[in-house]
């Protein structure tokens, strides 16, 4: 299938900052000067510290709105300077513009520094826990001595949170998850936020004299959902000269060589580490051009993967760093099939490559249709016909409309009567839509799982739908066992076809629900329930680490856009990457089925899911 070219849907997405979302993969923040993402982060930190110091305020709300506007603009910004871009964004008033100018010019803000001095270190981080409001934060700090993530973890493990009358055991379990999340978040960022910066730096390094090629490596190339640094591999005629040029330039700050030069096999490689942007760590491997393939392999793989390759090299009397040729040739010299970067995590991928058992991973071209799509009936921005036309532009054969259900009132969830009307509309439009676009429209719903595990509508209404997506949207202070039973009861319902964003995580924002995913995946496999890989850059959920378990249990997945604008149908790259990282082949992904096959499967019910 063809997914390239600027379609009308893609142009539509670029007409305004507030319409749809923009995938971070492949886009560049071309704004010169300090990274706008750093300004947005400073706005968010200031708002959090204001909440701690004074309580919720209009000023804090304005800072958060400005940060949201900046992040939406990042991928759409052109060559205009940050100041002119900021003036055009909603929420950025004159005082905030002055603060942004300070941050842009000096990297500092007097207001932010004064707040940092007045608020105990770590309390601002705790405000990012969505379940902790100001009142609970003060109890944690004043009564339980919690001033940050480490204190929170200690209080949970000691039983103080569970014993406190304001919290209790359910809170203790959840806050322990949050403590681990906050610890990781301190040193890592969502990859979709780092990639534009990495692309920008890569482009600048390409212009350094003597550089033949530059590739993004490390966790970003392995499509990890978060990354601790930007890693680049360079091929150069003279690695030392390139390192000296980079050290003298303004591209990277505090660049320093990590170790003595590596001259294995007479091929020079140098490695250095520094900082870019708002302090993001960067690591660079610069190798002579003939050793670039080996350097890229070493810069890409996890430490365990690289050590495994070195062991293979030693067993054959070779030196991995001295091998010449491209990646495919080097893997072949080691008696291995080429291992896709997504799989180079140090699991069993080397043994599988030796046996020729690596999967042929799914690609965007394999996808024939999409589910989990919202329209103007709930919180989407386009009509059913607009979605169908856009799907046709992208080459899809079918779409599944699934509005929020009644319990999600804040997202425009549909009442039973409104859902019935939409089903009737889809049925009445089916012939015209298919003749006009060739796209089959299926009628479904993203149905909330209620606290007791029931679904949001009665069986009579659910029976009218082509598919049902079960979704957990609220925690309701339930412990892991109760939450797990709640999900299990929901997917037992015979009309449930999909389980959407199963862990509920938001990268950089919210850790996943405390669920026994092994039990859920096992039961989903037994029932023929499909599990979503949500392509929204802040979700990428199902977590790729559950991929092997899902495949072993016979679970099939659906790569879904969770679309709120028609243009979102063209933004599946990160979702496809997450599925690939989970090791899924096209045969594991249900929406690689043709329209006719999908019609048959949905008509047959779960017994026909295969």
Protein backbone atom coordinates (compact mmCIF):
# COMPACT_ATOMS: atom_id res chain seq x y z
CA UNK A 1 0.00 0.00 0.00
CA UNK A 2 1.18 3.57 -0.68
CA UNK A 3 1.57 5.88 2.30
CA UNK A 4 3.75 8.62 0.81
CA UNK A 5 3.17 12.05 -0.70
CA UNK A 6 1.41 15.14 0.60
CA UNK A 7 -2.27 14.25 0.61
CA UNK A 8 -5.11 16.66 1.21
CA UNK A 9 -5.43 15.18 4.69
CA UNK A 10 -1.81 15.99 5.50
CA UNK A 11 -2.20 19.53 4.20
CA UNK A 12 -5.33 19.91 6.29
CA UNK A 13 -3.38 19.01 9.43
CA UNK A 14 -0.85 21.76 8.80
CA UNK A 15 -3.34 24.60 8.42
CA UNK A 16 -3.53 25.41 12.14
CA UNK A 17 -1.79 24.56 15.38
CA UNK A 18 -4.92 23.22 17.07
CA UNK A 19 -6.12 20.78 14.41
CA UNK A 20 -5.16 17.17 14.96
CA UNK A 21 -1.78 15.96 16.14
CA UNK A 22 1.55 15.74 14.43
CA UNK A 23 3.72 12.67 14.56
CA UNK A 24 7.17 13.44 15.90
CA UNK A 25 8.82 10.84 13.69
CA UNK A 26 10.46 12.37 10.66
CA UNK A 27 9.64 15.99 11.55
CA UNK A 28 12.18 18.63 12.48
CA UNK A 29 12.11 21.56 14.85
CA UNK A 30 13.73 24.06 12.50
CA UNK A 31 13.57 26.96 14.95
CA UNK A 32 16.98 28.41 15.63
CA UNK A 33 18.16 29.38 19.10
CA UNK A 34 17.18 27.60 22.29
CA UNK A 35 14.93 24.62 21.80
CA UNK A 36 11.27 25.59 22.21
CA UNK A 37 10.72 22.32 24.03
CA UNK A 38 12.99 23.61 26.81
CA UNK A 39 10.88 26.77 27.11
CA UNK A 40 7.72 24.65 27.33
CA UNK A 41 9.29 22.49 30.04
CA UNK A 42 10.28 25.58 32.03
CA UNK A 43 6.73 26.93 31.76
CA UNK A 44 5.38 23.63 33.09
CA UNK A 45 7.88 23.55 35.95
CA UNK A 46 7.01 27.13 36.89
CA UNK A 47 3.29 26.27 36.95
CA UNK A 48 3.93 23.25 39.18
CA UNK A 49 6.05 25.22 41.64
CA UNK A 50 3.45 28.00 41.74
CA UNK A 51 0.84 25.41 42.71
CA UNK A 52 3.03 24.19 45.56
CA UNK A 53 3.91 27.68 46.74
CA UNK A 54 0.53 29.44 46.43
CA UNK A 55 -2.03 26.88 45.32
CA UNK A 56 -3.80 26.66 41.93
CA UNK A 57 -3.92 30.00 40.09
CA UNK A 58 -4.81 31.62 36.79
CA UNK A 59 -1.10 32.25 36.26
CA UNK A 60 -0.34 28.55 36.51
CA UNK A 61 -3.17 27.74 34.08
CA UNK A 62 -1.78 30.29 31.60
CA UNK A 63 1.71 28.76 31.83
CA UNK A 64 0.38 25.27 31.13
CA UNK A 65 -1.74 26.47 28.22
CA UNK A 66 1.30 28.22 26.76
CA UNK A 67 3.37 25.05 27.14
CA UNK A 68 0.69 23.01 25.38
CA UNK A 69 0.57 25.52 22.53
CA UNK A 70 4.35 25.47 22.14
CA UNK A 71 4.47 21.68 21.98
CA UNK A 72 1.74 21.63 19.34
CA UNK A 73 3.73 24.15 17.29
CA UNK A 74 7.08 22.38 17.48
CA UNK A 75 6.57 20.10 14.49
CA UNK A 76 4.76 22.78 12.47
CA UNK A 77 7.19 25.66 12.96
CA UNK A 78 9.09 26.98 9.98
CA UNK A 79 12.21 29.13 9.92
CA UNK A 80 10.61 31.99 11.85
CA UNK A 81 12.39 32.96 15.09
CA UNK A 82 10.94 31.66 18.37
CA UNK A 83 9.74 35.14 19.41
CA UNK A 84 7.45 35.53 16.40
CA UNK A 85 6.18 32.00 16.80
CA UNK A 86 5.43 32.52 20.49
CA UNK A 87 3.48 35.71 19.78
CA UNK A 88 1.19 33.79 17.46
CA UNK A 89 0.34 31.03 19.92
CA UNK A 90 -2.70 30.99 22.12
CA UNK A 91 -1.94 31.30 25.82
CA UNK A 92 1.36 33.16 25.39
CA UNK A 93 0.74 36.59 26.92
CA UNK A 94 3.24 39.43 27.25
CA UNK A 95 4.68 38.41 30.68
CA UNK A 96 5.17 34.87 29.43
CA UNK A 97 6.78 36.15 26.26
CA UNK A 98 9.28 38.06 28.40
CA UNK A 99 9.99 34.89 30.37
CA UNK A 100 10.48 32.98 27.12
CA UNK A 101 12.90 35.66 25.89
CA UNK A 102 14.92 35.29 29.10
CA UNK A 103 15.04 31.53 28.66
CA UNK A 104 15.94 31.87 25.00
CA UNK A 105 18.71 34.39 25.64
CA UNK A 106 20.30 33.13 28.87
CA UNK A 107 18.68 29.78 29.61
CA UNK A 108 17.51 31.24 32.94
CA UNK A 109 14.36 32.82 34.34
CA UNK A 110 14.46 34.92 37.55
CA UNK A 111 10.86 33.94 38.37
CA UNK A 112 11.60 30.23 37.99
CA UNK A 113 14.81 30.43 40.01
CA UNK A 114 13.03 32.26 42.84
CA UNK A 115 10.35 29.56 42.96
CA UNK A 116 12.95 26.80 42.97
CA UNK A 117 14.57 28.44 45.98
CA UNK A 118 11.28 28.68 47.88
CA UNK A 119 9.92 25.16 47.32
CA UNK A 120 11.54 21.98 48.69
CA UNK A 121 13.30 20.04 45.97
CA UNK A 122 11.17 17.24 44.56
CA UNK A 123 7.72 18.54 45.51
CA UNK A 124 7.19 19.96 42.04
CA UNK A 125 7.75 16.48 40.60
CA UNK A 126 5.08 15.05 42.89
CA UNK A 127 2.52 17.46 41.47
CA UNK A 128 2.86 15.65 38.16
CA UNK A 129 1.11 12.71 39.82
CA UNK A 130 -2.41 13.31 38.58
CA UNK A 131 -3.96 11.74 41.68
CA UNK A 132 -2.08 14.10 44.04
CA UNK A 133 -3.77 17.47 44.48
CA UNK A 134 -2.42 20.30 46.61
CA UNK A 135 -4.20 19.06 49.76
CA UNK A 136 -2.77 15.54 49.43
CA UNK A 137 0.66 16.93 48.58
CA UNK A 138 0.71 18.92 51.81
CA UNK A 139 -0.28 15.84 53.82
CA UNK A 140 2.49 13.85 52.18
CA UNK A 141 5.01 16.56 52.92
CA UNK A 142 3.91 17.80 56.36
CA UNK A 143 2.64 14.59 57.94
CA UNK A 144 4.66 11.89 56.19
CA UNK A 145 7.90 13.76 55.44
CA UNK A 146 7.76 13.18 51.66
CA UNK A 147 9.68 15.73 49.60
CA UNK A 148 10.35 13.81 46.39
CA UNK A 149 10.20 10.52 44.52
CA UNK A 150 12.75 8.76 46.74
CA UNK A 151 10.88 9.77 49.91
CA UNK A 152 7.61 8.65 48.35
CA UNK A 153 9.01 5.23 47.49
CA UNK A 154 10.42 4.83 51.02
CA UNK A 155 7.08 5.82 52.57
CA UNK A 156 5.25 3.27 50.41
CA UNK A 157 7.67 0.44 51.14
CA UNK A 158 7.70 1.13 54.87
CA UNK A 159 3.90 0.91 55.06
CA UNK A 160 3.42 4.54 56.15
CA UNK A 161 1.27 5.39 53.09
CA UNK A 162 -0.86 2.25 53.50
CA UNK A 163 -1.41 3.02 57.20
CA UNK A 164 -2.28 6.68 56.72
CA UNK A 165 -6.05 7.40 56.94
CA UNK A 166 -5.94 9.75 53.95
CA UNK A 167 -4.39 7.14 51.67
CA UNK A 168 -4.45 3.42 52.49
CA UNK A 169 -3.27 0.22 50.69
CA UNK A 170 -4.69 1.05 47.24
CA UNK A 171 -2.99 4.44 47.26
CA UNK A 172 0.26 2.87 48.44
CA UNK A 173 0.33 0.48 45.46
CA UNK A 174 -0.40 3.25 42.98
CA UNK A 175 2.02 5.76 44.46
CA UNK A 176 4.80 3.17 44.42
CA UNK A 177 4.29 2.90 40.65
CA UNK A 178 4.42 6.68 40.43
CA UNK A 179 7.65 6.85 42.45
CA UNK A 180 9.39 4.52 40.00
CA UNK A 181 7.95 6.46 37.08
CA UNK A 182 9.17 9.81 38.43
CA UNK A 183 12.65 8.38 39.03
CA UNK A 184 12.90 7.22 35.44
CA UNK A 185 11.35 10.41 34.07
CA UNK A 186 14.10 12.46 35.68
CA UNK A 187 16.73 10.93 33.41
CA UNK A 188 14.68 9.94 30.36
CA UNK A 189 12.34 11.63 27.90
CA UNK A 190 9.74 10.34 25.47
CA UNK A 191 11.55 9.54 22.23
CA UNK A 192 9.01 11.39 20.12
CA UNK A 193 10.16 14.60 21.82
CA UNK A 194 13.86 13.86 21.41
CA UNK A 195 13.80 12.75 17.77
CA UNK A 196 13.22 16.22 16.22
CA UNK A 197 16.17 17.56 18.19
CA UNK A 198 18.30 14.57 17.15
CA UNK A 199 17.40 15.16 13.49
CA UNK A 200 18.30 18.81 13.79
CA UNK A 201 21.72 18.07 15.33
CA UNK A 202 22.36 15.32 12.78
CA UNK A 203 21.76 17.83 9.99
CA UNK A 204 24.22 20.29 11.51
CA UNK A 205 26.94 17.66 11.96
CA UNK A 206 26.53 16.59 8.33
CA UNK A 207 27.81 20.03 7.39
CA UNK A 208 31.08 19.67 9.32
CA UNK A 209 34.05 19.29 6.92
CA UNK A 210 35.27 15.71 6.68
CA UNK A 211 31.96 14.09 7.71
CA UNK A 212 30.78 11.59 5.10
CA UNK A 213 27.58 10.41 6.80
CA UNK A 214 25.74 10.63 10.11
CA UNK A 215 23.05 8.29 11.44
CA UNK A 216 20.88 8.44 14.56
CA UNK A 217 21.66 5.36 16.66
CA UNK A 218 21.12 4.21 20.23
CA UNK A 219 17.68 3.99 21.80
CA UNK A 220 16.11 6.25 19.19
CA UNK A 221 17.13 3.93 16.37
CA UNK A 222 15.97 0.92 18.40
CA UNK A 223 12.57 2.70 18.65
CA UNK A 224 12.55 2.65 22.44
CA UNK A 225 9.62 4.69 23.69
CA UNK A 226 11.87 6.73 25.98
CA UNK A 227 15.54 7.58 25.73
CA UNK A 228 18.20 8.84 28.11
CA UNK A 229 20.36 10.47 25.46
CA UNK A 230 20.80 11.16 21.77
CA UNK A 231 23.34 8.83 20.14
CA UNK A 232 24.87 9.48 16.72
CA UNK A 233 27.28 7.47 14.58
CA UNK A 234 29.47 9.33 12.06
CA UNK A 235 31.65 8.15 9.21
CA UNK A 236 34.58 10.49 8.51
CA UNK A 237 37.84 10.65 6.60
CA UNK A 238 39.66 11.85 9.74
CA UNK A 239 37.75 11.13 13.00
CA UNK A 240 40.14 13.15 15.19
CA UNK A 241 39.79 16.24 13.00
CA UNK A 242 35.99 15.96 13.08
CA UNK A 243 36.04 15.62 16.87
CA UNK A 244 38.19 18.74 17.15
CA UNK A 245 35.82 20.65 14.85
CA UNK A 246 32.80 19.61 16.87
CA UNK A 247 34.54 20.53 20.12
CA UNK A 248 35.17 24.04 18.80
CA UNK A 249 31.66 24.54 17.42
CA UNK A 250 28.47 25.68 19.15
CA UNK A 251 26.53 22.56 18.13
CA UNK A 252 27.47 20.62 21.25
CA UNK A 253 28.50 21.89 24.68
CA UNK A 254 31.09 20.35 26.99
CA UNK A 255 32.13 17.76 24.40
CA UNK A 256 34.74 15.41 25.83
CA UNK A 257 36.32 12.20 24.65
CA UNK A 258 35.13 9.17 26.58
CA UNK A 259 38.14 6.91 26.17
CA UNK A 260 41.45 6.62 24.33
CA UNK A 261 41.22 6.26 20.57
CA UNK A 262 40.22 2.80 19.38
CA UNK A 263 42.40 1.71 16.47
CA UNK A 264 41.25 -1.91 16.16
CA UNK A 265 42.43 -3.42 12.90
CA UNK A 266 44.09 -0.15 11.99
CA UNK A 267 40.73 1.60 11.77
CA UNK A 268 40.38 4.66 13.96
CA UNK A 269 37.25 5.24 16.03
CA UNK A 270 36.74 7.99 18.62
CA UNK A 271 33.86 8.38 21.06
CA UNK A 272 32.75 11.55 22.79
CA UNK A 273 29.98 12.80 25.06
CA UNK A 274 28.48 16.25 25.60
CA UNK A 275 25.21 18.17 25.89
CA UNK A 276 22.83 19.93 23.51
CA UNK A 277 19.65 21.98 23.76
CA UNK A 278 18.49 22.25 27.35
CA UNK A 279 21.12 19.85 28.67
CA UNK A 280 20.12 16.71 26.76
CA UNK A 281 23.08 14.29 26.81
CA UNK A 282 24.55 13.36 23.43
CA UNK A 283 27.02 10.61 22.59
CA UNK A 284 28.88 10.49 19.28
CA UNK A 285 30.90 7.70 17.71
CA UNK A 286 33.13 8.91 14.87
CA UNK A 287 34.76 6.18 12.78
CA UNK A 288 36.76 6.02 9.60
CA UNK A 289 34.39 5.43 6.70
CA UNK A 290 35.49 1.83 6.16
CA UNK A 291 34.65 1.04 9.80
CA UNK A 292 31.32 2.87 9.81
CA UNK A 293 29.19 -0.32 9.64
CA UNK A 294 30.76 -1.75 12.80
CA UNK A 295 30.55 1.65 14.54
CA UNK A 296 26.84 1.93 13.71
CA UNK A 297 26.18 -1.57 15.06
CA UNK A 298 27.98 -0.79 18.32
CA UNK A 299 26.29 2.60 18.69
CA UNK A 300 22.83 1.14 18.02
CA UNK A 301 22.58 -2.06 20.05
CA UNK A 302 21.92 -2.34 23.76
CA UNK A 303 25.02 -3.22 25.82
CA UNK A 304 23.81 -6.83 26.08
CA UNK A 305 23.29 -7.10 22.31
CA UNK A 306 26.71 -5.64 21.51
CA UNK A 307 28.42 -7.94 24.01
CA UNK A 308 26.64 -10.89 22.42
CA UNK A 309 27.98 -9.88 19.01
CA UNK A 310 31.47 -9.51 20.44
CA UNK A 311 31.22 -13.04 21.82
CA UNK A 312 30.22 -14.25 18.35
CA UNK A 313 33.20 -12.37 16.91
CA UNK A 314 35.65 -13.90 19.37
CA UNK A 315 34.31 -17.34 18.61
CA UNK A 316 35.19 -16.81 14.95
CA UNK A 317 38.55 -15.17 15.60
CA UNK A 318 37.29 -11.78 14.51
CA UNK A 319 37.09 -8.31 16.06
CA UNK A 320 33.71 -6.61 15.79
CA UNK A 321 35.21 -3.11 15.79
CA UNK A 322 37.66 -4.00 13.03
CA UNK A 323 35.13 -5.53 10.64
CA UNK A 324 34.60 -3.67 7.37
CA UNK A 325 31.42 -3.39 5.34
CA UNK A 326 27.83 -2.47 6.00
CA UNK A 327 25.69 -3.85 8.81
CA UNK A 328 24.24 -6.69 6.74
CA UNK A 329 27.70 -7.84 5.68
CA UNK A 330 29.05 -7.77 9.23
CA UNK A 331 26.13 -9.79 10.60
CA UNK A 332 26.62 -12.26 7.74
CA UNK A 333 30.33 -12.57 8.57
CA UNK A 334 29.23 -13.61 12.07
CA UNK A 335 26.94 -16.28 10.62
CA UNK A 336 23.81 -14.30 11.51
CA UNK A 337 20.85 -12.95 9.63
CA UNK A 338 20.65 -9.16 9.78
CA UNK A 339 18.82 -8.17 12.97
CA UNK A 340 16.46 -5.19 12.66
CA UNK A 341 17.51 -2.37 15.03
CA UNK A 342 14.20 -2.60 16.92
CA UNK A 343 15.09 -6.10 18.14
CA UNK A 344 18.64 -5.42 19.33
CA UNK A 345 17.84 -5.46 23.04
CA UNK A 346 19.93 -8.39 24.25
CA UNK A 347 17.18 -11.00 24.46
CA UNK A 348 17.22 -14.09 22.27
CA UNK A 349 17.54 -12.20 18.97
CA UNK A 350 21.13 -13.38 18.26
CA UNK A 351 20.22 -17.04 18.74
CA UNK A 352 17.14 -16.62 16.57
CA UNK A 353 19.25 -14.89 13.91
CA UNK A 354 21.66 -17.82 13.98
CA UNK A 355 18.77 -20.26 13.45
CA UNK A 356 17.13 -18.09 10.78
CA UNK A 357 14.00 -17.67 12.91
CA UNK A 358 13.69 -13.89 13.10
CA UNK A 359 10.22 -12.60 12.19
CA UNK A 360 9.58 -10.52 9.10
CA UNK A 361 8.33 -7.50 11.00
CA UNK A 362 5.13 -5.69 10.08
CA UNK A 363 5.39 -2.53 7.97
CA UNK A 364 3.06 0.40 7.38
CA UNK A 365 2.43 -0.93 3.87
CA UNK A 366 0.93 -4.11 5.37
CA UNK A 367 -1.96 -2.25 7.00
CA UNK A 368 -5.27 -2.47 5.09
CA UNK A 369 -7.60 -0.65 7.47
CA UNK A 370 -7.85 1.13 10.82
CA UNK A 371 -10.03 1.06 13.93
CA UNK A 372 -10.36 3.38 16.96
CA UNK A 373 -11.41 6.57 15.18
CA UNK A 374 -13.39 9.46 16.70
CA UNK A 375 -15.50 11.98 14.77
CA UNK A 376 -17.30 15.23 15.57
CA UNK A 377 -19.97 13.13 17.28
CA UNK A 378 -17.66 12.93 20.34
CA UNK A 379 -14.26 14.66 20.58
CA UNK A 380 -13.05 14.36 16.99
CA UNK A 381 -12.85 17.20 14.48
CA UNK A 382 -14.14 15.58 11.26
CA UNK A 383 -17.25 13.83 9.97
CA UNK A 384 -17.59 10.18 9.03
CA UNK A 385 -17.49 11.07 5.34
CA UNK A 386 -14.33 13.15 5.84
CA UNK A 387 -12.70 10.23 7.65
CA UNK A 388 -13.65 7.86 4.83
CA UNK A 389 -12.32 10.18 2.14
CA UNK A 390 -9.06 10.65 4.02
CA UNK A 391 -8.72 6.89 4.50
CA UNK A 392 -9.09 6.47 0.74
CA UNK A 393 -6.30 9.00 0.15
CA UNK A 394 -4.00 6.95 2.35
CA UNK A 395 -4.97 3.75 0.55
CA UNK A 396 -6.95 2.07 3.32
CA UNK A 397 -9.88 -0.25 2.59
CA UNK A 398 -11.89 0.16 5.79
CA UNK A 399 -12.23 2.24 8.95
CA UNK A 400 -13.92 1.56 12.27
CA UNK A 401 -15.71 4.51 13.88
CA UNK A 402 -15.63 4.30 17.68
CA UNK A 403 -16.78 7.29 19.70
CA UNK A 404 -16.38 7.54 23.45
CA UNK A 405 -19.15 5.96 25.48
CA UNK A 406 -21.61 7.64 27.84
CA UNK A 407 -19.39 7.52 30.97
CA UNK A 408 -16.71 9.61 29.24
CA UNK A 409 -18.82 12.75 29.40
CA UNK A 410 -15.76 15.03 29.37
CA UNK A 411 -14.81 13.54 25.99
CA UNK A 412 -18.28 13.95 24.51
CA UNK A 413 -19.29 10.35 25.15
CA UNK A 414 -22.45 9.27 23.32
CA UNK A 415 -25.71 8.56 25.09
CA UNK A 416 -27.40 5.30 24.07
CA UNK A 417 -29.79 7.25 21.84
CA UNK A 418 -26.91 9.15 20.18
CA UNK A 419 -25.02 5.92 19.52
CA UNK A 420 -28.12 4.38 17.94
CA UNK A 421 -28.43 7.40 15.66
CA UNK A 422 -24.79 7.11 14.62
CA UNK A 423 -25.16 3.41 13.83
CA UNK A 424 -28.19 4.23 11.68
CA UNK A 425 -26.18 6.97 9.94
CA UNK A 426 -23.31 4.59 9.18
CA UNK A 427 -25.70 1.96 7.85
CA UNK A 428 -27.52 4.52 5.66
CA UNK A 429 -24.27 6.03 4.37
CA UNK A 430 -22.60 2.67 3.72
CA UNK A 431 -23.56 2.42 0.07
CA UNK A 432 -22.74 6.03 -0.78
CA UNK A 433 -19.51 5.98 1.18
CA UNK A 434 -18.35 2.81 -0.50
CA UNK A 435 -19.18 4.05 -3.98
CA UNK A 436 -17.58 7.42 -3.32
CA UNK A 437 -14.36 6.31 -1.65
CA UNK A 438 -14.16 2.53 -1.81
CA UNK A 439 -13.78 2.52 1.97
CA UNK A 440 -15.95 0.29 4.16
CA UNK A 441 -17.12 1.99 7.37
CA UNK A 442 -17.70 -0.25 10.40
CA UNK A 443 -19.83 0.91 13.32
CA UNK A 444 -18.35 0.49 16.77
CA UNK A 445 -17.71 2.23 20.07
CA UNK A 446 -14.86 2.80 22.51
CA UNK A 447 -16.76 1.48 25.50
CA UNK A 448 -15.73 2.35 29.05
CA UNK A 449 -15.21 -0.52 31.46
CA UNK A 450 -17.27 0.39 34.51
CA UNK A 451 -15.87 -0.05 38.05
CA UNK A 452 -17.48 -3.49 38.41
CA UNK A 453 -16.30 -4.70 34.99
CA UNK A 454 -19.60 -4.21 33.17
CA UNK A 455 -19.71 -2.30 29.88
CA UNK A 456 -21.21 1.14 29.43
CA UNK A 457 -24.21 0.04 27.28
CA UNK A 458 -26.76 -2.75 27.45
CA UNK A 459 -26.40 -5.88 25.34
CA UNK A 460 -29.20 -4.91 22.97
CA UNK A 461 -27.31 -1.82 21.83
CA UNK A 462 -23.93 -3.57 21.72
CA UNK A 463 -25.44 -6.26 19.48
CA UNK A 464 -26.15 -3.62 16.82
CA UNK A 465 -22.44 -2.79 16.46
CA UNK A 466 -19.84 -4.34 14.18
CA UNK A 467 -17.24 -4.22 16.94
CA UNK A 468 -16.71 -3.06 20.52
CA UNK A 469 -13.47 -1.63 21.92
CA UNK A 470 -13.25 -2.08 25.70
CA UNK A 471 -11.28 0.63 27.46
CA UNK A 472 -10.18 1.33 31.02
CA UNK A 473 -10.19 5.09 31.56
CA UNK A 474 -10.41 5.46 35.34
CA UNK A 475 -8.48 4.03 38.24
CA UNK A 476 -11.00 4.76 41.01
CA UNK A 477 -8.41 3.85 43.66
CA UNK A 478 -8.68 0.15 42.88
CA UNK A 479 -5.77 -2.17 43.71
CA UNK A 480 -4.03 -4.23 41.04
CA UNK A 481 -6.05 -7.40 41.65
CA UNK A 482 -9.36 -5.55 41.48
CA UNK A 483 -8.37 -3.65 38.36
CA UNK A 484 -7.26 -6.87 36.69
CA UNK A 485 -10.54 -8.61 37.50
CA UNK A 486 -12.39 -5.59 36.18
CA UNK A 487 -10.65 -5.88 32.80
CA UNK A 488 -11.03 -9.66 32.69
CA UNK A 489 -14.77 -9.42 33.28
CA UNK A 490 -15.08 -6.86 30.48
CA UNK A 491 -13.27 -8.90 27.83
CA UNK A 492 -15.36 -11.93 28.73
CA UNK A 493 -18.31 -10.11 27.15
CA UNK A 494 -18.89 -11.80 23.77
CA UNK A 495 -19.26 -8.49 21.89
CA UNK A 496 -15.86 -7.14 22.94
CA UNK A 497 -13.46 -7.42 20.03
CA UNK A 498 -10.60 -5.09 21.09
CA UNK A 499 -8.87 -4.05 24.32
CA UNK A 500 -7.57 -0.50 23.76
CA UNK A 501 -4.44 1.17 25.24
CA UNK A 502 -4.38 -1.67 27.77
CA UNK A 503 -1.98 -0.26 30.37
CA UNK A 504 -3.24 3.33 30.20
CA UNK A 505 0.24 4.83 30.27
CA UNK A 506 1.10 8.32 28.95
CA UNK A 507 4.80 8.62 28.21
CA UNK A 508 6.31 11.38 30.27
CA UNK A 509 2.98 11.92 32.03
CA UNK A 510 1.30 8.90 33.64
CA UNK A 511 2.56 5.38 34.43
CA UNK A 512 0.42 2.46 33.40
CA UNK A 513 -2.33 0.99 35.52
CA UNK A 514 -1.31 -1.63 38.07
CA UNK A 515 -2.51 -4.66 36.11
CA UNK A 516 -1.55 -8.30 35.86
CA UNK A 517 -0.91 -8.07 32.11
CA UNK A 518 0.23 -11.68 31.88
CA UNK A 519 -3.22 -12.87 33.05
CA UNK A 520 -5.01 -10.42 30.77
CA UNK A 521 -3.00 -11.44 27.71
CA UNK A 522 -3.48 -15.11 28.46
CA UNK A 523 -7.26 -14.68 28.67
CA UNK A 524 -7.34 -12.41 25.60
CA UNK A 525 -5.59 -15.15 23.64
CA UNK A 526 -8.08 -17.76 24.81
CA UNK A 527 -11.08 -15.56 23.95
CA UNK A 528 -9.80 -14.21 20.64
CA UNK A 529 -9.84 -10.61 21.90
CA UNK A 530 -7.51 -8.35 19.95
CA UNK A 531 -5.17 -6.05 21.89
CA UNK A 532 -4.38 -2.59 20.60
CA UNK A 533 -0.99 -1.08 19.87
CA UNK A 534 -2.01 2.56 20.18
CA UNK A 535 -0.08 4.75 17.75
CA UNK A 536 -0.47 8.06 19.58
CA UNK A 537 3.10 9.18 20.37
CA UNK A 538 2.30 9.72 24.04
CA UNK A 539 0.87 6.19 24.43
CA UNK A 540 2.52 3.47 22.24
CA UNK A 541 0.52 1.04 24.31
CA UNK A 542 0.63 -2.08 24.38
CA UNK A 543 4.14 -1.76 25.83
CA UNK A 544 6.54 -3.58 23.48
CA UNK A 545 7.93 -5.60 26.40
CA UNK A 546 4.70 -7.61 26.42
CA UNK A 547 5.13 -8.55 22.76
CA UNK A 548 6.70 -11.95 23.34
CA UNK A 549 4.10 -12.88 25.96
CA UNK A 550 1.28 -11.80 23.64
CA UNK A 551 2.59 -13.86 20.73
CA UNK A 552 3.17 -16.88 22.94
CA UNK A 553 -0.43 -16.64 24.15
CA UNK A 554 -1.78 -16.41 20.61
CA UNK A 555 -2.87 -12.77 20.96
CA UNK A 556 -3.30 -10.76 17.78
CA UNK A 557 -2.85 -7.01 17.91
CA UNK A 558 -4.36 -4.06 16.04
CA UNK A 559 -2.23 -1.02 15.24
CA UNK A 560 -4.66 1.84 15.78
CA UNK A 561 -4.36 5.62 15.41
CA UNK A 562 -6.77 6.58 18.22
CA UNK A 563 -7.66 9.26 15.69
CA UNK A 564 -9.34 12.53 16.66
CA UNK A 565 -8.85 14.11 13.22
CA UNK A 566 -9.00 12.53 9.77
CA UNK A 567 -5.35 13.44 9.18
CA UNK A 568 -4.38 11.20 12.11
CA UNK A 569 -5.00 8.22 9.81
CA UNK A 570 -1.68 9.01 8.18
CA UNK A 571 0.27 9.02 11.43
CA UNK A 572 0.84 5.36 12.10
CA UNK A 573 4.64 5.36 11.91
CA UNK A 574 5.25 5.32 15.66
CA UNK A 575 2.56 2.68 16.19
CA UNK A 576 4.07 0.49 13.50
CA UNK A 577 7.46 1.02 15.14
CA UNK A 578 6.07 -0.04 18.53
CA UNK A 579 4.60 -3.20 16.98
CA UNK A 580 7.88 -3.95 15.24
CA UNK A 581 9.77 -3.48 18.50
CA UNK A 582 7.36 -5.95 20.08
CA UNK A 583 8.40 -8.47 17.41
CA UNK A 584 5.05 -8.59 15.60
CA UNK A 585 4.86 -9.81 12.02
CA UNK A 586 2.09 -8.86 9.60
CA UNK A 587 0.28 -12.12 10.40
CA UNK A 588 0.11 -11.06 14.07
CA UNK A 589 -1.67 -7.78 13.20
CA UNK A 590 -5.40 -8.07 12.50
CA UNK A 591 -5.74 -4.90 10.46
CA UNK A 592 -3.50 -6.36 7.77
CA UNK A 593 -6.62 -8.34 6.74
CA UNK A 594 -8.34 -7.29 3.54
CA UNK A 595 -11.74 -5.61 3.67
CA UNK A 596 -13.49 -8.81 2.65
CA UNK A 597 -11.62 -10.87 5.23
CA UNK A 598 -12.34 -8.32 7.97
CA UNK A 599 -16.03 -8.27 7.07
CA UNK A 600 -16.13 -12.06 7.38
CA UNK A 601 -14.29 -12.07 10.71
CA UNK A 602 -16.48 -9.39 12.28
CA UNK A 603 -19.63 -11.06 10.99
CA UNK A 604 -18.56 -14.40 12.46
CA UNK A 605 -17.90 -12.96 15.91
CA UNK A 606 -14.98 -13.89 18.15
CA UNK A 607 -15.11 -17.53 17.16
CA UNK A 608 -13.96 -16.40 13.72
CA UNK A 609 -10.99 -14.39 14.88
CA UNK A 610 -8.47 -17.13 14.22
